[in-house]
Amino acid sequence: MQKTINQSFNIEGVTLHSGERSNLSVNPATANTGIVFRRVDIKNSNEESLIEAKFNNVSVSDLCTKITNKFGISVSTIEHLMSALHGTGIDNAIVEVDCDELPILDGSSLEYVRNIEEVGLKSLNVEKKYLSISRPIVFSMNDSFVKVSPSDNLEIDYTISYDHNLIKEQRFNYELKDTNQFKNLISNCRTFGFKDEVDSLRKKGLIAGGSLENAIVLDKKGIVNNEKLRQENEFVKHKILDFIGDIYLLGYSVKGAFEIYKGGHRLTHETMNSIMSDQSNWRLINEEILNDKNYQNTYYTKSLAASL
C-alpha cells in the first residue's frame, strides 16, 4: 500500500546558497498525491504556489536540484529531503516552505529521517506502484556515464574520481532495501567541497550559508573540519544519497540497477529525461508483479534479448 507520514513535522535552518533562514513543514497527504512542494510565502492562488516534485519540473541542476512550476515559482536544494522520503518509502507528502530554498541542515538527510521515524508512517488504502526499468540504457556526458538495467530493487554502483589524496577513486555498491539500512549507511553522509572552489563560489555571491557545520571541506592537506568522517567512503555515499533523492523525481519508487561513473545532479536529470523519452524504457508495476520472480526473470530476459 502507498504510505504517508502519521503527522506533520517542522524543521528550520539556514539555506546553503542564499544564507537565509528557511522554515519547512512536511505534512501527510492522500493517496496518489505524490511529493508536492508549496511555497507558503506566495500569496496568490493556491495553484501558483504548488510545485510537483517531477523530473520535467527540474530547471537547475548545477550545485543543487531546483524545480520550477509553470508560473515560474521554484524551490531548490530539495535533493536531501527527497532522498529521505524515497529511502523511507514515503509516497505522498506536501512540503510547505516559506522561501525558495530548503535548509541545508548538516549537509545530509539524517535530520529528515529522524523526524520521519519520530512521527511514523501511515499506510493508505491504495496500491503502491513502482517505476521499473524495462531494458538497458546507457547515457553519457563527456567522461561521465550512467548504465541502467532492469532489477527488482534499486541498485546503485557509484564511482567518483577526484584529484585529491583523501578521495582519489571511491566506489560503493548499494541496494536500497529498508529504512534502517538507508539510515545507517547513507542518510548521515554529508555534502563536500574543496576550499579553493568554496572561496571562488563565495566571491561570486554563492553558497552564502555554507559552513563547516553543513559540509565537509577539504584543502590540499585533508579535511578542514574538526569533525572526522562519519563513515568510510562518506564522499561517494553522499553522491548516492543525492542520486536516491534526484531519481525520485521520476514520481515513483524506482526499481532498476544504475552503474554511475563520475555522476552528479545534471547527469541524473539528463538520464531521467532519457528514460522517460521512450515508453518502452519503463513500466509501472505493483507489489504482486514485483514479488513474482518467475514473471520478473522471464520479463528481464526478454528485455535484455530485445536490446541486444
Protein backbone atom coordinates (compact mmCIF):
# COMPACT_ATOMS: atom_id res chain seq x y z
CA MET A 1 0.00 0.00 0.00
CA GLN A 2 1.03 3.63 -0.50
CA LYS A 3 2.37 5.44 2.55
CA THR A 4 2.44 8.92 4.01
CA ILE A 5 3.50 10.24 7.44
CA ASN A 6 1.29 10.00 10.52
CA GLN A 7 1.51 13.69 11.36
CA SER A 8 3.33 16.85 10.32
CA PHE A 9 6.79 17.83 11.46
CA ASN A 10 8.66 21.12 11.22
CA ILE A 11 12.32 21.88 10.53
CA GLU A 12 14.15 25.18 10.22
CA GLY A 13 17.67 26.17 9.34
CA VAL A 14 19.94 28.22 7.14
CA THR A 15 19.92 27.75 3.37
CA LEU A 16 23.15 26.83 1.60
CA HIS A 17 23.08 29.20 -1.36
CA SER A 18 21.24 32.33 -0.13
CA GLY A 19 22.22 32.08 3.53
CA GLU A 20 18.64 32.93 4.60
CA ARG A 21 16.52 31.19 7.24
CA SER A 22 14.14 28.60 5.86
CA ASN A 23 11.19 27.05 7.65
CA LEU A 24 9.51 23.94 6.29
CA SER A 25 6.71 21.64 7.32
CA VAL A 26 6.34 18.12 5.95
CA ASN A 27 2.67 17.12 6.04
CA PRO A 28 0.60 13.97 5.42
CA ALA A 29 -1.10 13.70 2.03
CA THR A 30 -3.76 11.50 0.48
CA ALA A 31 -3.02 8.63 -1.89
CA ASN A 32 -1.77 9.48 -5.39
CA THR A 33 -0.72 12.99 -4.30
CA GLY A 34 2.97 12.22 -4.75
CA ILE A 35 5.51 14.66 -3.34
CA VAL A 36 4.38 18.27 -3.74
CA PHE A 37 6.06 21.45 -2.52
CA ARG A 38 4.01 24.51 -1.56
CA ARG A 39 5.50 27.97 -1.17
CA VAL A 40 3.55 29.44 1.74
CA ASP A 41 5.14 32.86 1.13
CA ILE A 42 3.33 33.10 -2.24
CA LYS A 43 0.07 34.84 -1.51
CA ASN A 44 -1.51 34.42 -4.93
CA SER A 45 -3.65 31.45 -5.98
CA ASN A 46 -3.08 28.07 -4.35
CA GLU A 47 -2.25 26.56 -7.76
CA GLU A 48 0.54 29.08 -8.32
CA SER A 49 2.23 28.13 -5.04
CA LEU A 50 2.36 24.37 -5.80
CA ILE A 51 5.40 22.68 -7.38
CA GLU A 52 5.24 18.97 -8.14
CA ALA A 53 8.44 17.04 -7.47
CA LYS A 54 8.74 15.70 -11.03
CA PHE A 55 11.69 15.34 -13.39
CA ASN A 56 10.10 17.60 -16.01
CA ASN A 57 9.98 20.46 -13.48
CA VAL A 58 13.77 20.47 -13.00
CA SER A 59 15.05 23.90 -14.00
CA VAL A 60 18.56 23.96 -12.49
CA SER A 61 20.97 21.09 -11.82
CA ASP A 62 24.20 22.95 -11.04
CA LEU A 63 25.29 22.65 -7.40
CA CYS A 64 21.79 21.52 -6.37
CA THR A 65 18.41 20.43 -7.71
CA LYS A 66 15.85 23.15 -8.38
CA ILE A 67 12.27 22.60 -9.58
CA THR A 68 10.01 25.27 -11.07
CA ASN A 69 6.29 25.24 -11.92
CA LYS A 70 4.61 26.76 -14.98
CA PHE A 71 4.15 30.07 -13.13
CA GLY A 72 7.90 30.44 -12.55
CA ILE A 73 7.66 29.65 -8.83
CA SER A 74 10.57 27.50 -7.68
CA VAL A 75 12.17 25.70 -4.77
CA SER A 76 15.77 24.49 -4.68
CA THR A 77 18.14 22.19 -2.79
CA ILE A 78 15.41 19.57 -2.49
CA GLU A 79 17.63 16.51 -3.02
CA HIS A 80 18.36 15.67 0.64
CA LEU A 81 14.69 15.72 1.65
CA MET A 82 13.71 13.78 -1.49
CA SER A 83 16.35 11.18 -0.60
CA ALA A 84 14.89 10.80 2.90
CA LEU A 85 11.37 10.38 1.50
CA HIS A 86 12.50 7.83 -1.08
CA GLY A 87 14.71 5.99 1.40
CA THR A 88 11.93 5.64 3.99
CA GLY A 89 9.26 4.63 1.47
CA ILE A 90 7.01 7.70 1.66
CA ASP A 91 4.85 8.02 -1.46
CA ASN A 92 2.79 11.08 -0.57
CA ALA A 93 3.61 14.30 1.29
CA ILE A 94 3.03 18.03 1.00
CA VAL A 95 6.11 20.05 1.89
CA GLU A 96 5.39 23.65 2.87
CA VAL A 97 8.31 26.08 2.81
CA ASP A 98 8.46 29.85 3.37
CA CYS A 99 11.20 30.70 0.84
CA ASP A 100 12.70 29.40 -2.40
CA GLU A 101 15.25 27.05 -0.82
CA LEU A 102 15.23 24.24 1.73
CA PRO A 103 17.57 24.41 4.73
CA ILE A 104 20.88 22.60 4.31
CA LEU A 105 20.87 21.38 7.94
CA ASP A 106 24.05 19.31 8.47
CA GLY A 107 24.52 18.63 4.74
CA SER A 108 22.91 15.18 4.89
CA SER A 109 19.42 13.62 5.16
CA LEU A 110 19.77 12.49 8.76
CA GLU A 111 17.55 15.09 10.45
CA TYR A 112 14.76 14.42 7.96
CA VAL A 113 14.97 10.67 8.60
CA ARG A 114 14.93 11.17 12.37
CA ASN A 115 11.79 13.30 12.15
CA ILE A 116 10.10 10.79 9.85
CA GLU A 117 10.89 7.98 12.33
CA GLU A 118 9.55 10.08 15.20
CA VAL A 119 6.13 10.76 13.62
CA GLY A 120 5.88 7.35 11.95
CA LEU A 121 4.36 6.22 8.68
CA LYS A 122 0.71 5.69 7.79
CA SER A 123 -0.46 3.08 5.29
CA LEU A 124 -3.08 4.26 2.80
CA ASN A 125 -5.79 2.10 1.26
CA VAL A 126 -4.42 2.42 -2.29
CA GLU A 127 -1.95 0.14 -4.01
CA LYS A 128 1.66 1.29 -4.32
CA LYS A 129 3.22 1.32 -7.78
CA TYR A 130 6.88 1.26 -8.74
CA LEU A 131 8.61 2.59 -11.80
CA SER A 132 10.53 -0.39 -13.14
CA ILE A 133 13.27 -0.13 -15.75
CA SER A 134 12.34 -2.36 -18.71
CA ARG A 135 15.52 -2.53 -20.75
CA PRO A 136 19.18 -1.49 -20.61
CA ILE A 137 20.03 2.15 -21.33
CA VAL A 138 23.35 4.00 -21.41
CA PHE A 139 23.61 7.78 -21.06
CA SER A 140 26.93 9.63 -21.13
CA MET A 141 28.23 13.18 -20.82
CA ASN A 142 31.92 13.77 -21.53
CA ASP A 143 33.75 11.18 -19.39
CA SER A 144 30.75 10.55 -17.10
CA PHE A 145 28.10 7.90 -17.70
CA VAL A 146 25.13 6.02 -16.29
CA LYS A 147 24.33 2.46 -17.29
CA VAL A 148 20.77 1.46 -16.45
CA SER A 149 19.36 -2.07 -16.47
CA PRO A 150 16.31 -3.92 -15.10
CA SER A 151 16.28 -5.07 -11.48
CA ASP A 152 13.68 -5.97 -8.86
CA ASN A 153 15.21 -3.43 -6.46
CA LEU A 154 17.01 -0.07 -6.58
CA GLU A 155 20.68 -0.97 -7.02
CA ILE A 156 23.38 1.70 -7.25
CA ASP A 157 27.00 1.06 -8.21
CA TYR A 158 28.62 4.50 -7.88
CA THR A 159 32.19 5.58 -8.61
CA ILE A 160 33.68 9.05 -8.02
CA SER A 161 37.13 10.27 -9.02
CA TYR A 162 38.87 13.39 -7.67
CA ASP A 163 42.44 14.59 -7.80
CA HIS A 164 42.76 14.61 -4.03
CA ASN A 165 44.79 12.22 -1.88
CA LEU A 166 41.93 11.65 0.56
CA ILE A 167 39.44 10.67 -2.14
CA LYS A 168 41.13 9.60 -5.38
CA GLU A 169 38.68 7.00 -6.68
CA GLN A 170 35.92 5.74 -4.41
CA ARG A 171 33.36 3.11 -5.37
CA PHE A 172 30.41 1.79 -3.41
CA ASN A 173 27.67 -0.70 -4.24
CA TYR A 174 24.36 -0.06 -2.53
CA GLU A 175 20.95 -1.69 -2.70
CA LEU A 176 18.02 0.18 -1.14
CA LYS A 177 16.25 -2.43 0.98
CA ASP A 178 14.74 -0.81 4.07
CA THR A 179 14.65 2.32 6.20
CA ASN A 180 17.19 1.16 8.79
CA GLN A 181 19.72 0.27 6.12
CA PHE A 182 19.26 3.64 4.41
CA LYS A 183 19.53 5.45 7.75
CA ASN A 184 22.66 3.61 8.87
CA LEU A 185 24.61 3.51 5.60
CA ILE A 186 23.57 6.59 3.63
CA SER A 187 21.43 9.19 5.40
CA ASN A 188 24.15 10.80 7.56
CA CYS A 189 26.72 11.23 4.77
CA ARG A 190 27.41 14.93 4.22
CA THR A 191 27.92 17.03 1.14
CA PHE A 192 31.52 18.02 0.49
CA GLY A 193 33.60 20.59 -1.36
CA PHE A 194 37.13 21.84 -1.88
CA LYS A 195 38.36 25.00 -0.17
CA ASP A 196 39.60 26.71 -3.34
CA GLU A 197 36.24 26.06 -5.05
CA VAL A 198 34.36 27.26 -1.97
CA ASP A 199 36.35 30.52 -1.94
CA SER A 200 35.64 31.03 -5.65
CA LEU A 201 31.89 30.42 -5.26
CA ARG A 202 31.68 32.84 -2.33
CA LYS A 203 33.34 35.56 -4.40
CA LYS A 204 30.52 35.04 -6.91
CA GLY A 205 27.93 35.51 -4.15
CA LEU A 206 27.06 31.81 -3.97
CA ILE A 207 26.86 29.33 -1.03
CA ALA A 208 26.41 32.22 1.41
CA GLY A 209 25.14 29.77 4.03
CA GLY A 210 27.90 27.23 3.61
CA SER A 211 29.99 26.41 6.67
CA LEU A 212 31.91 23.65 8.38
CA GLU A 213 28.64 22.84 10.17
CA ASN A 214 26.90 21.74 6.98
CA ALA A 215 29.62 20.39 4.68
CA ILE A 216 32.91 18.56 4.63
CA VAL A 217 35.54 20.99 3.33
CA LEU A 218 38.89 19.76 2.02
CA ASP A 219 42.10 21.64 1.38
CA LYS A 220 45.29 20.18 -0.10
CA LYS A 221 46.25 18.63 3.25
CA GLY A 222 42.97 17.00 4.13
CA ILE A 223 39.71 17.77 5.96
CA VAL A 224 39.39 21.30 7.36
CA ASN A 225 36.54 20.32 9.72
CA ASN A 226 37.29 19.35 13.30
CA GLU A 227 34.78 16.51 12.98
CA LYS A 228 36.11 13.34 11.41
CA LEU A 229 34.37 11.44 8.61
CA ARG A 230 31.21 9.76 9.81
CA GLN A 231 31.63 6.74 7.59
CA GLU A 232 34.18 5.01 5.43
CA ASN A 233 33.61 6.18 1.83
CA GLU A 234 31.43 9.06 3.05
CA PHE A 235 32.18 11.04 -0.11
CA VAL A 236 30.80 8.52 -2.59
CA LYS A 237 27.97 7.61 -0.20
CA HIS A 238 26.83 11.24 -0.24
CA LYS A 239 26.69 11.07 -4.03
CA ILE A 240 24.47 8.01 -3.64
CA LEU A 241 22.30 9.97 -1.19
CA ASP A 242 21.87 12.73 -3.80
CA PHE A 243 21.09 10.17 -6.51
CA ILE A 244 18.39 8.48 -4.41
CA GLY A 245 16.75 11.89 -3.97
CA ASP A 246 17.08 13.02 -7.57
CA ILE A 247 15.87 9.74 -9.13
CA TYR A 248 12.70 10.01 -7.00
CA LEU A 249 11.71 12.85 -9.31
CA LEU A 250 10.54 10.11 -11.67
CA GLY A 251 7.47 10.22 -9.43
CA TYR A 252 7.61 6.69 -8.04
CA SER A 253 9.92 4.46 -6.03
CA VAL A 254 12.34 3.11 -8.61
CA LYS A 255 13.30 -0.48 -9.45
CA GLY A 256 16.42 -0.62 -11.58
CA ALA A 257 20.19 -1.11 -11.47
CA PHE A 258 22.30 2.02 -12.03
CA GLU A 259 26.03 1.94 -12.64
CA ILE A 260 27.26 5.53 -12.32
CA TYR A 261 30.70 6.89 -13.07
CA LYS A 262 31.56 10.47 -12.04
CA GLY A 263 27.90 11.40 -11.70
CA GLY A 264 26.11 14.47 -10.39
CA HIS A 265 22.75 16.23 -10.41
CA ARG A 266 22.86 17.14 -14.09
CA LEU A 267 23.82 13.65 -15.24
CA THR A 268 20.99 12.15 -13.18
CA HIS A 269 18.46 14.63 -14.53
CA GLU A 270 19.50 14.05 -18.13
CA THR A 271 19.33 10.29 -17.51
CA MET A 272 15.75 10.65 -16.23
CA ASN A 273 14.83 12.56 -19.39
CA SER A 274 16.39 9.79 -21.47
CA ILE A 275 14.50 7.07 -19.57
CA MET A 276 11.14 8.80 -19.86
CA SER A 277 11.57 9.79 -23.51
CA ASP A 278 10.60 6.29 -24.64
CA GLN A 279 7.69 4.35 -23.10
CA SER A 280 9.47 1.06 -23.81
CA ASN A 281 12.23 2.01 -21.33
CA TRP A 282 10.00 1.69 -18.29
CA ARG A 283 6.71 0.45 -16.91
CA LEU A 284 4.65 0.75 -13.73
CA ILE A 285 4.34 -2.38 -11.64
CA ASN A 286 2.69 -3.33 -8.36
CA GLU A 287 3.87 -5.46 -5.44
CA GLU A 288 2.32 -8.62 -6.85
CA ILE A 289 4.34 -8.40 -10.07
CA LEU A 290 7.43 -7.33 -8.12
CA ASN A 291 7.25 -10.48 -5.99
CA ASP A 292 6.55 -12.83 -8.90
CA LYS A 293 10.12 -13.98 -9.52
CA ASN A 294 9.20 -16.24 -12.43
CA TYR A 295 7.46 -13.39 -14.20
CA GLN A 296 10.31 -10.99 -13.46
CA ASN A 297 13.03 -13.35 -14.66
CA THR A 298 11.16 -14.03 -17.89
CA TYR A 299 10.48 -10.35 -18.45
CA TYR A 300 14.06 -9.25 -17.79
CA THR A 301 15.44 -11.98 -20.07
CA LYS A 302 13.14 -10.88 -22.88
CA SER A 303 14.03 -7.21 -22.28
CA LEU A 304 17.76 -7.94 -22.38
CA ALA A 305 17.42 -10.04 -25.55
CA ALA A 306 15.40 -7.31 -27.26
CA SER A 307 18.07 -4.72 -26.52
CA LEU A 308 20.96 -6.72 -27.97
